PDB file of N, CA and C in Angstrom:
ATOM      1  N   MET A   1       4.284  -8.365  18.786  1.00  0.00           N
ATOM      2  CA  MET A   1       5.268  -7.964  17.967  1.00  0.00           C
ATOM      3  C   MET A   1       4.981  -6.735  16.833  1.00  0.00           C
ATOM      4  N   LYS A   2       5.595  -6.122  17.080  1.00  0.00           N
ATOM      5  CA  LYS A   2       5.245  -4.828  15.977  1.00  0.00           C
ATOM      6  C   LYS A   2       6.576  -4.527  14.809  1.00  0.00           C
ATOM      7  N   THR A   3       5.905  -4.776  13.343  1.00  0.00           N
ATOM      8  CA  THR A   3       7.138  -4.524  12.737  1.00  0.00           C
ATOM      9  C   THR A   3       6.733  -3.090  11.604  1.00  0.00           C
ATOM     10  N   ASN A   4       8.231  -2.841  11.535  1.00  0.00           N
ATOM     11  CA  ASN A   4       8.346  -1.396  11.133  1.00  0.00           C
ATOM     12  C   ASN A   4       9.307  -1.429   9.677  1.00  0.00           C
ATOM     13  N   ASP A   5       8.865  -0.615   8.996  1.00  0.00           N
ATOM     14  CA  ASP A   5       9.178  -0.571   7.845  1.00  0.00           C
ATOM     15  C   ASP A   5      10.063  -1.546   7.258  1.00  0.00           C
ATOM     16  N   ILE A   6       9.221  -2.205   5.875  1.00  0.00           N
ATOM     17  CA  ILE A   6       9.867  -3.941   5.190  1.00  0.00           C
ATOM     18  C   ILE A   6       9.649  -2.832   4.099  1.00  0.00           C
ATOM     19  N   VAL A   7      10.634  -2.548   3.539  1.00  0.00           N
ATOM     20  CA  VAL A   7      10.985  -1.889   2.317  1.00  0.00           C
ATOM     21  C   VAL A   7      12.097  -2.970   1.414  1.00  0.00           C
ATOM     22  N   VAL A   8      11.784  -2.627  -0.222  1.00  0.00           N
ATOM     23  CA  VAL A   8      12.671  -3.412  -1.009  1.00  0.00           C
ATOM     24  C   VAL A   8      12.876  -2.908  -2.135  1.00  0.00           C
ATOM     25  N   LEU A   9      13.891  -2.251  -2.541  1.00  0.00           N
ATOM     26  CA  LEU A   9      14.224  -1.013  -3.505  1.00  0.00           C
ATOM     27  C   LEU A   9      13.451  -1.766  -4.708  1.00  0.00           C
ATOM     28  N   PRO A  10      12.873  -0.960  -5.751  1.00  0.00           N
ATOM     29  CA  PRO A  10      11.922  -1.022  -6.313  1.00  0.00           C
ATOM     30  C   PRO A  10      12.845  -1.910  -7.460  1.00  0.00           C
ATOM     31  N   THR A  11      14.407  -1.632  -7.655  1.00  0.00           N
ATOM     32  CA  THR A  11      15.548  -2.173  -8.609  1.00  0.00           C
ATOM     33  C   THR A  11      15.013  -4.107  -8.137  1.00  0.00           C
ATOM     34  N   TYR A  12      14.800  -4.192  -6.838  1.00  0.00           N
ATOM     35  CA  TYR A  12      14.530  -5.941  -6.401  1.00  0.00           C
ATOM     36  C   TYR A  12      13.042  -6.112  -5.982  1.00  0.00           C
ATOM     37  N   GLN A  13      12.448  -5.607  -6.445  1.00  0.00           N
ATOM     38  CA  GLN A  13      10.897  -6.184  -6.309  1.00  0.00           C
ATOM     39  C   GLN A  13      10.522  -6.983  -6.969  1.00  0.00           C
ATOM     40  N   ASN A  14       9.282  -7.717  -6.979  1.00  0.00           N
ATOM     41  CA  ASN A  14       8.761  -8.934  -7.970  1.00  0.00           C
ATOM     42  C   ASN A  14       9.960  -9.990  -8.089  1.00  0.00           C
ATOM     43  N   ARG A  15      10.652 -10.518  -6.898  1.00  0.00           N
ATOM     44  CA  ARG A  15      11.629 -11.528  -6.896  1.00  0.00           C
ATOM     45  C   ARG A  15      11.249 -11.860  -5.609  1.00  0.00           C
ATOM     46  N   GLY A  16      10.024 -11.799  -4.952  1.00  0.00           N
ATOM     47  CA  GLY A  16       9.835 -12.689  -3.594  1.00  0.00           C
ATOM     48  C   GLY A  16      10.557 -12.244  -2.447  1.00  0.00           C
ATOM     49  N   ILE A  17      11.526 -11.172  -2.694  1.00  0.00           N
ATOM     50  CA  ILE A  17      12.117 -10.708  -1.480  1.00  0.00           C
ATOM     51  C   ILE A  17      11.348 -10.592  -0.445  1.00  0.00           C
ATOM     52  N   GLY A  18      10.266  -9.513  -0.401  1.00  0.00           N
ATOM     53  CA  GLY A  18       9.593  -8.887   0.554  1.00  0.00           C
ATOM     54  C   GLY A  18       8.964 -10.293   1.098  1.00  0.00           C
ATOM     55  N   SER A  19       7.858 -11.229   0.343  1.00  0.00           N
ATOM     56  CA  SER A  19       7.499 -12.272   0.937  1.00  0.00           C
ATOM     57  C   SER A  19       8.239 -13.163   1.365  1.00  0.00           C
ATOM     58  N   GLU A  20       9.625 -13.385   1.513  1.00  0.00           N
ATOM     59  CA  GLU A  20      10.442 -14.317   1.775  1.00  0.00           C
ATOM     60  C   GLU A  20      10.675 -13.450   3.312  1.00  0.00           C
ATOM     61  N   THR A  21      11.014 -12.233   3.349  1.00  0.00           N
ATOM     62  CA  THR A  21      10.937 -11.650   4.474  1.00  0.00           C
ATOM     63  C   THR A  21       9.689 -11.727   5.473  1.00  0.00           C
ATOM     64  N   MET A  22       8.330 -11.393   5.096  1.00  0.00           N
ATOM     65  CA  MET A  22       7.364 -11.612   5.657  1.00  0.00           C
ATOM     66  C   MET A  22       6.773 -13.083   6.589  1.00  0.00           C
ATOM     67  N   ARG A  23       7.380 -14.247   5.517  1.00  0.00           N
ATOM     68  CA  ARG A  23       7.072 -15.211   6.016  1.00  0.00           C
ATOM     69  C   ARG A  23       8.617 -15.516   6.993  1.00  0.00           C
ATOM     70  N   PHE A  24       9.304 -14.831   7.474  1.00  0.00           N
ATOM     71  CA  PHE A  24      10.245 -14.812   7.859  1.00  0.00           C
ATOM     72  C   PHE A  24       9.846 -14.603   9.419  1.00  0.00           C
ATOM     73  N   ILE A  25       9.382 -13.079   9.461  1.00  0.00           N
ATOM     74  CA  ILE A  25       8.675 -12.412  10.431  1.00  0.00           C
ATOM     75  C   ILE A  25       7.646 -13.282  11.325  1.00  0.00           C
ATOM     76  N   ILE A  26       6.664 -13.800  10.244  1.00  0.00           N
ATOM     77  CA  ILE A  26       5.737 -14.690  10.929  1.00  0.00           C
ATOM     78  C   ILE A  26       6.274 -16.026  11.392  1.00  0.00           C
ATOM     79  N   GLU A  27       7.077 -16.620  10.865  1.00  0.00           N
ATOM     80  CA  GLU A  27       7.898 -17.719  11.365  1.00  0.00           C
ATOM     81  C   GLU A  27       8.726 -17.506  13.103  1.00  0.00           C
ATOM     82  N   LYS A  28       9.245 -16.280  12.810  1.00  0.00           N
ATOM     83  CA  LYS A  28       9.766 -15.216  13.791  1.00  0.00           C
ATOM     84  C   LYS A  28       8.838 -15.441  15.126  1.00  0.00           C
ATOM     85  N   ALA A  29       7.699 -14.648  15.040  1.00  0.00           N
ATOM     86  CA  ALA A  29       6.645 -14.127  15.557  1.00  0.00           C
ATOM     87  C   ALA A  29       6.398 -15.396  16.463  1.00  0.00           C
ATOM     88  N   ARG A  30       5.626 -16.956  15.261  1.00  0.00           N
ATOM     89  CA  ARG A  30       5.172 -17.707  15.997  1.00  0.00           C
ATOM     90  C   ARG A  30       6.424 -18.447  16.713  1.00  0.00           C
ATOM     91  N   ASP A  31       7.450 -18.424  16.571  1.00  0.00           N
ATOM     92  CA  ASP A  31       8.683 -19.430  17.377  1.00  0.00           C
ATOM     93  C   ASP A  31       8.826 -18.694  18.910  1.00  0.00           C
ATOM     94  N   LEU A  32       8.840 -17.151  18.939  1.00  0.00           N
ATOM     95  CA  LEU A  32       8.486 -16.504  20.210  1.00  0.00           C
ATOM     96  C   LEU A  32       6.878 -16.446  20.822  1.00  0.00           C
ATOM     97  N   LYS A  33       6.546 -17.026  20.435  1.00  0.00           N
ATOM     98  CA  LYS A  33       4.660 -17.502  20.597  1.00  0.00           C
ATOM     99  C   LYS A  33       4.502 -15.990  21.034  1.00  0.00           C
ATOM    100  N   CYS A  34       4.474 -14.814  19.878  1.00  0.00           N
ATOM    101  CA  CYS A  34       4.020 -13.566  19.946  1.00  0.00           C
ATOM    102  C   CYS A  34       2.402 -14.099  19.769  1.00  0.00           C
ATOM    103  N   SER A  35       1.411 -13.207  20.117  1.00  0.00           N
ATOM    104  CA  SER A  35       0.023 -13.566  19.704  1.00  0.00           C
ATOM    105  C   SER A  35      -0.502 -12.786  18.538  1.00  0.00           C
ATOM    106  N   LYS A  36       0.183 -11.981  18.589  1.00  0.00           N
ATOM    107  CA  LYS A  36      -0.021 -11.106  16.872  1.00  0.00           C
ATOM    108  C   LYS A  36       1.139 -10.490  16.526  1.00  0.00           C
ATOM    109  N   ILE A  37       0.945  -9.528  15.032  1.00  0.00           N
ATOM    110  CA  ILE A  37       1.928  -9.200  14.396  1.00  0.00           C
ATOM    111  C   ILE A  37       0.805  -7.969  14.132  1.00  0.00           C
ATOM    112  N   SER A  38       1.399  -6.569  14.398  1.00  0.00           N
ATOM    113  CA  SER A  38       0.829  -5.434  13.997  1.00  0.00           C
ATOM    114  C   SER A  38       1.761  -4.831  13.143  1.00  0.00           C
ATOM    115  N   LEU A  39       1.268  -4.011  12.082  1.00  0.00           N
ATOM    116  CA  LEU A  39       2.098  -2.852  11.441  1.00  0.00           C
ATOM    117  C   LEU A  39       1.318  -1.801  11.108  1.00  0.00           C
ATOM    118  N   GLY A  40       1.522  -0.747  10.307  1.00  0.00           N
ATOM    119  CA  GLY A  40       0.948   0.501  10.007  1.00  0.00           C
ATOM    120  C   GLY A  40       1.477   0.702   8.239  1.00  0.00           C
ATOM    121  N   MET A  41       0.547   1.007   7.819  1.00  0.00           N
ATOM    122  CA  MET A  41       0.648   1.284   6.159  1.00  0.00           C
ATOM    123  C   MET A  41      -0.245   2.226   5.880  1.00  0.00           C
ATOM    124  N   VAL A  42      -0.260   2.715   4.425  1.00  0.00           N
ATOM    125  CA  VAL A  42      -0.731   3.536   3.829  1.00  0.00           C
ATOM    126  C   VAL A  42      -1.737   2.842   3.097  1.00  0.00           C
ATOM    127  N   HIS A  43      -3.320   2.925   4.158  1.00  0.00           N
ATOM    128  CA  HIS A  43      -4.017   2.111   3.471  1.00  0.00           C
ATOM    129  C   HIS A  43      -4.486   2.780   2.255  1.00  0.00           C
ATOM    130  N   ASP A  44      -4.313   3.700   1.585  1.00  0.00           N
ATOM    131  CA  ASP A  44      -4.593   3.917   0.457  1.00  0.00           C
ATOM    132  C   ASP A  44      -3.794   3.441  -0.692  1.00  0.00           C
ATOM    133  N   ASP A  45      -3.149   2.667   0.168  1.00  0.00           N
ATOM    134  CA  ASP A  45      -2.104   2.030  -1.275  1.00  0.00           C
ATOM    135  C   ASP A  45      -2.919   0.421  -1.517  1.00  0.00           C
ATOM    136  N   LEU A  46      -3.599   0.119  -2.488  1.00  0.00           N
ATOM    137  CA  LEU A  46      -4.190  -1.042  -2.371  1.00  0.00           C
ATOM    138  C   LEU A  46      -3.456  -1.838  -3.051  1.00  0.00           C
ATOM    139  N   PRO A  47      -2.688  -2.178  -3.660  1.00  0.00           N
ATOM    140  CA  PRO A  47      -1.694  -3.490  -4.042  1.00  0.00           C
ATOM    141  C   PRO A  47      -0.655  -3.582  -2.775  1.00  0.00           C
ATOM    142  N   LEU A  48      -0.391  -2.613  -2.152  1.00  0.00           N
ATOM    143  CA  LEU A  48       0.258  -2.708  -0.744  1.00  0.00           C
ATOM    144  C   LEU A  48      -0.706  -3.140   0.461  1.00  0.00           C
ATOM    145  N   ARG A  49      -1.587  -3.341   0.618  1.00  0.00           N
ATOM    146  CA  ARG A  49      -2.840  -3.616   1.495  1.00  0.00           C
ATOM    147  C   ARG A  49      -2.955  -4.987   0.930  1.00  0.00           C
ATOM    148  N   ASN A  50      -3.306  -5.068  -0.442  1.00  0.00           N
ATOM    149  CA  ASN A  50      -3.722  -6.609  -0.762  1.00  0.00           C
ATOM    150  C   ASN A  50      -2.940  -7.443  -0.566  1.00  0.00           C
ATOM    151  N   TRP A  51      -1.551  -7.147  -0.793  1.00  0.00           N
ATOM    152  CA  TRP A  51      -0.046  -7.958  -0.370  1.00  0.00           C
ATOM    153  C   TRP A  51       0.045  -8.240   1.151  1.00  0.00           C
ATOM    154  N   TYR A  52      -0.521  -7.469   1.831  1.00  0.00           N
ATOM    155  CA  TYR A  52      -0.272  -7.670   3.427  1.00  0.00           C
ATOM    156  C   TYR A  52      -1.538  -8.999   4.068  1.00  0.00           C
ATOM    157  N   GLN A  53      -2.788  -8.711   3.356  1.00  0.00           N
ATOM    158  CA  GLN A  53      -3.960  -9.221   3.244  1.00  0.00           C
ATOM    159  C   GLN A  53      -3.351 -10.969   2.819  1.00  0.00           C
ATOM    160  N   ARG A  54      -2.911 -10.922   1.946  1.00  0.00           N
ATOM    161  CA  ARG A  54      -2.487 -12.159   1.374  1.00  0.00           C
ATOM    162  C   ARG A  54      -1.892 -12.911   2.285  1.00  0.00           C
ATOM    163  N   PHE A  55      -1.174 -12.662   3.411  1.00  0.00           N
ATOM    164  CA  PHE A  55      -0.369 -13.319   4.545  1.00  0.00           C
ATOM    165  C   PHE A  55      -1.544 -13.131   5.831  1.00  0.00           C
ATOM    166  N   GLY A  56      -2.575 -12.988   5.717  1.00  0.00           N
ATOM    167  CA  GLY A  56      -3.719 -12.988   6.471  1.00  0.00           C
ATOM    168  C   GLY A  56      -3.872 -11.700   7.733  1.00  0.00           C
ATOM    169  N   PHE A  57      -3.067 -10.608   7.262  1.00  0.00           N
ATOM    170  CA  PHE A  57      -3.438  -9.197   8.243  1.00  0.00           C
ATOM    171  C   PHE A  57      -5.004  -8.865   7.581  1.00  0.00           C
ATOM    172  N   GLN A  58      -5.468  -8.674   8.493  1.00  0.00           N
ATOM    173  CA  GLN A  58      -6.473  -7.375   8.779  1.00  0.00           C
ATOM    174  C   GLN A  58      -6.552  -6.111   8.729  1.00  0.00           C
ATOM    175  N   THR A  59      -7.160  -5.162   8.509  1.00  0.00           N
ATOM    176  CA  THR A  59      -7.112  -4.041   9.053  1.00  0.00           C
ATOM    177  C   THR A  59      -8.209  -3.545  10.337  1.00  0.00           C
ATOM    178  N   VAL A  60      -7.649  -3.191  11.303  1.00  0.00           N
ATOM    179  CA  VAL A  60      -8.121  -2.994  12.558  1.00  0.00           C
ATOM    180  C   VAL A  60      -8.505  -1.809  13.174  1.00  0.00           C
ATOM    181  N   ARG A  61      -7.922  -0.898  12.360  1.00  0.00           N
ATOM    182  CA  ARG A  61      -8.159   0.941  12.744  1.00  0.00           C
ATOM    183  C   ARG A  61      -7.651   1.537  11.368  1.00  0.00           C
ATOM    184  N   LEU A  62      -8.503   2.865  10.964  1.00  0.00           N
ATOM    185  CA  LEU A  62      -7.584   3.414  10.623  1.00  0.00           C
ATOM    186  C   LEU A  62      -7.707   5.046  10.858  1.00  0.00           C
ATOM    187  N   LYS A  63      -6.638   5.971  10.110  1.00  0.00           N
ATOM    188  CA  LYS A  63      -6.730   7.202  10.973  1.00  0.00           C
ATOM    189  C   LYS A  63      -6.339   8.258   9.650  1.00  0.00           C
ATOM    190  N   LYS A  64      -7.109   8.851   9.816  1.00  0.00           N
ATOM    191  CA  LYS A  64      -6.454  10.103   8.797  1.00  0.00           C
ATOM    192  C   LYS A  64      -5.988  11.029   9.595  1.00  0.00           C
ATOM    193  N   PHE A  65      -4.872  11.766   9.325  1.00  0.00           N
ATOM    194  CA  PHE A  65      -4.023  13.110   9.549  1.00  0.00           C
ATOM    195  C   PHE A  65      -4.043  13.831   8.501  1.00  0.00           C
ATOM    196  N   ASP A  66      -4.681  15.594   9.277  1.00  0.00           N
ATOM    197  CA  ASP A  66      -4.398  16.706   8.491  1.00  0.00           C
ATOM    198  C   ASP A  66      -3.336  17.209   7.680  1.00  0.00           C
ATOM    199  N   GLN A  67      -2.340  16.237   8.379  1.00  0.00           N
ATOM    200  CA  GLN A  67      -0.687  17.071   7.594  1.00  0.00           C
ATOM    201  C   GLN A  67      -0.431  16.144   6.064  1.00  0.00           C
ATOM    202  N   VAL A  68      -1.003  15.076   6.315  1.00  0.00           N
ATOM    203  CA  VAL A  68      -0.897  14.235   4.858  1.00  0.00           C
ATOM    204  C   VAL A  68      -2.270  13.669   3.908  1.00  0.00           C
ATOM    205  N   ARG A  69      -1.929  13.681   2.852  1.00  0.00           N
ATOM    206  CA  ARG A  69      -3.336  13.207   1.845  1.00  0.00           C
ATOM    207  C   ARG A  69      -3.423  11.769   1.867  1.00  0.00           C
ATOM    208  N   TYR A  70      -3.088  11.055   3.053  1.00  0.00           N
ATOM    209  CA  TYR A  70      -3.642   9.771   2.914  1.00  0.00           C
ATOM    210  C   TYR A  70      -4.024   9.083   4.148  1.00  0.00           C
ATOM    211  N   THR A  71      -4.512   8.003   4.143  1.00  0.00           N
ATOM    212  CA  THR A  71      -5.206   7.271   5.079  1.00  0.00           C
ATOM    213  C   THR A  71      -4.141   6.553   6.042  1.00  0.00           C
ATOM    214  N   VAL A  72      -3.602   5.935   7.051  1.00  0.00           N
ATOM    215  CA  VAL A  72      -2.920   5.240   8.027  1.00  0.00           C
ATOM    216  C   VAL A  72      -3.910   4.259   8.329  1.00  0.00           C
ATOM    217  N   GLY A  73      -3.709   2.989   8.201  1.00  0.00           N
ATOM    218  CA  GLY A  73      -4.282   1.641   8.588  1.00  0.00           C
ATOM    219  C   GLY A  73      -3.168   0.952   9.299  1.00  0.00           C
ATOM    220  N   LYS A  74      -4.138   0.772  10.597  1.00  0.00           N
ATOM    221  CA  LYS A  74      -3.550   0.086  11.364  1.00  0.00           C
ATOM    222  C   LYS A  74      -3.877  -2.008  10.750  1.00  0.00           C
ATOM    223  N   MET A  75      -3.086  -2.888  10.644  1.00  0.00           N
ATOM    224  CA  MET A  75      -2.870  -4.139  10.265  1.00  0.00           C
ATOM    225  C   MET A  75      -2.583  -5.018  11.311  1.00  0.00           C
ATOM    226  N   GLU A  76      -2.910  -6.019  11.808  1.00  0.00           N
ATOM    227  CA  GLU A  76      -2.838  -6.994  12.212  1.00  0.00           C
ATOM    228  C   GLU A  76      -2.930  -8.761  12.201  1.00  0.00           C
ATOM    229  N   LEU A  77      -1.915  -9.373  12.399  1.00  0.00           N
ATOM    230  CA  LEU A  77      -2.420 -11.073  12.232  1.00  0.00           C
ATOM    231  C   LEU A  77      -2.238 -11.341  12.988  1.00  0.00           C
ATOM    232  N   LEU A  78      -3.307 -12.369  13.652  1.00  0.00           N
ATOM    233  CA  LEU A  78      -3.205 -13.084  14.923  1.00  0.00           C
ATOM    234  C   LEU A  78      -2.773 -14.540  14.428  1.00  0.00           C
ATOM    235  N   LEU A  79      -1.777 -14.317  15.850  1.00  0.00           N
ATOM    236  CA  LEU A  79      -1.387 -15.943  15.818  1.00  0.00           C
ATOM    237  C   LEU A  79      -2.061 -16.630  16.660  1.00  0.00           C
ATOM    238  N   GLN A  80      -1.309 -16.650  17.916  1.00  0.00           N
ATOM    239  CA  GLN A  80      -1.869 -17.291  18.825  1.00  0.00           C
ATOM    240  C   GLN A  80      -2.101 -16.960  20.490  1.00  0.00           C
ATOM    241  N   ARG A  81      -2.583 -17.336  21.282  1.00  0.00           N
ATOM    242  CA  ARG A  81      -2.859 -16.808  22.492  1.00  0.00           C
ATOM    243  C   ARG A  81      -1.203 -16.987  23.604  1.00  0.00           C
ATOM    244  N   ALA A  82      -0.669 -15.943  23.475  1.00  0.00           N
ATOM    245  CA  ALA A  82       0.517 -16.105  24.510  1.00  0.00           C
ATOM    246  C   ALA A  82       1.171 -14.875  24.276  1.00  0.00           C
ATOM    247  N   SER A  83       2.113 -14.772  25.669  1.00  0.00           N
ATOM    248  CA  SER A  83       2.874 -13.859  25.660  1.00  0.00           C
ATOM    249  C   SER A  83       3.999 -13.952  24.668  1.00  0.00           C
ATOM    250  N   CYS A  84       4.583 -12.200  24.104  1.00  0.00           N
ATOM    251  CA  CYS A  84       5.869 -12.375  22.994  1.00  0.00           C
ATOM    252  C   CYS A  84       6.932 -12.147  24.129  1.00  0.00           C
ATOM    253  N   GLY A  85       8.364 -12.912  23.246  1.00  0.00           N
ATOM    254  CA  GLY A  85       9.461 -12.603  23.633  1.00  0.00           C
ATOM    255  C   GLY A  85      10.383 -11.579  23.601  1.00  0.00           C
ATOM    256  N   LEU A  86       9.375 -10.460  22.857  1.00  0.00           N
ATOM    257  CA  LEU A  86      10.391  -9.388  22.189  1.00  0.00           C
ATOM    258  C   LEU A  86       9.702  -8.171  22.697  1.00  0.00           C
TER     259      LEU A  86
END
C-alpha cells in the first residue's frame, strides 16, 4: 500500500487527527493483507520523521534533487508477508 499526502490543516493539528488517520491506514492495510506501507516525505523535517517512526516506519531510501533544497526520504512500515488487495 502506498500512502499519499496525509495533511492536517494547522488549525486542527495536535488534536490526534493525523494519528487516528495513520492508525486507520495501518489497520486497513493489515485487513487487506498488505505486506508493507510505503510513503515519501521531506526527510529533513525531523518532527515529521519522528512522528512516522513512532508508528514503526523506517527510512529505506534517501534522494536529493537539484531542484529543491531538501532531501526526500522513502519510509516503509513492514506488516506481513502477503499480497495486497489494492
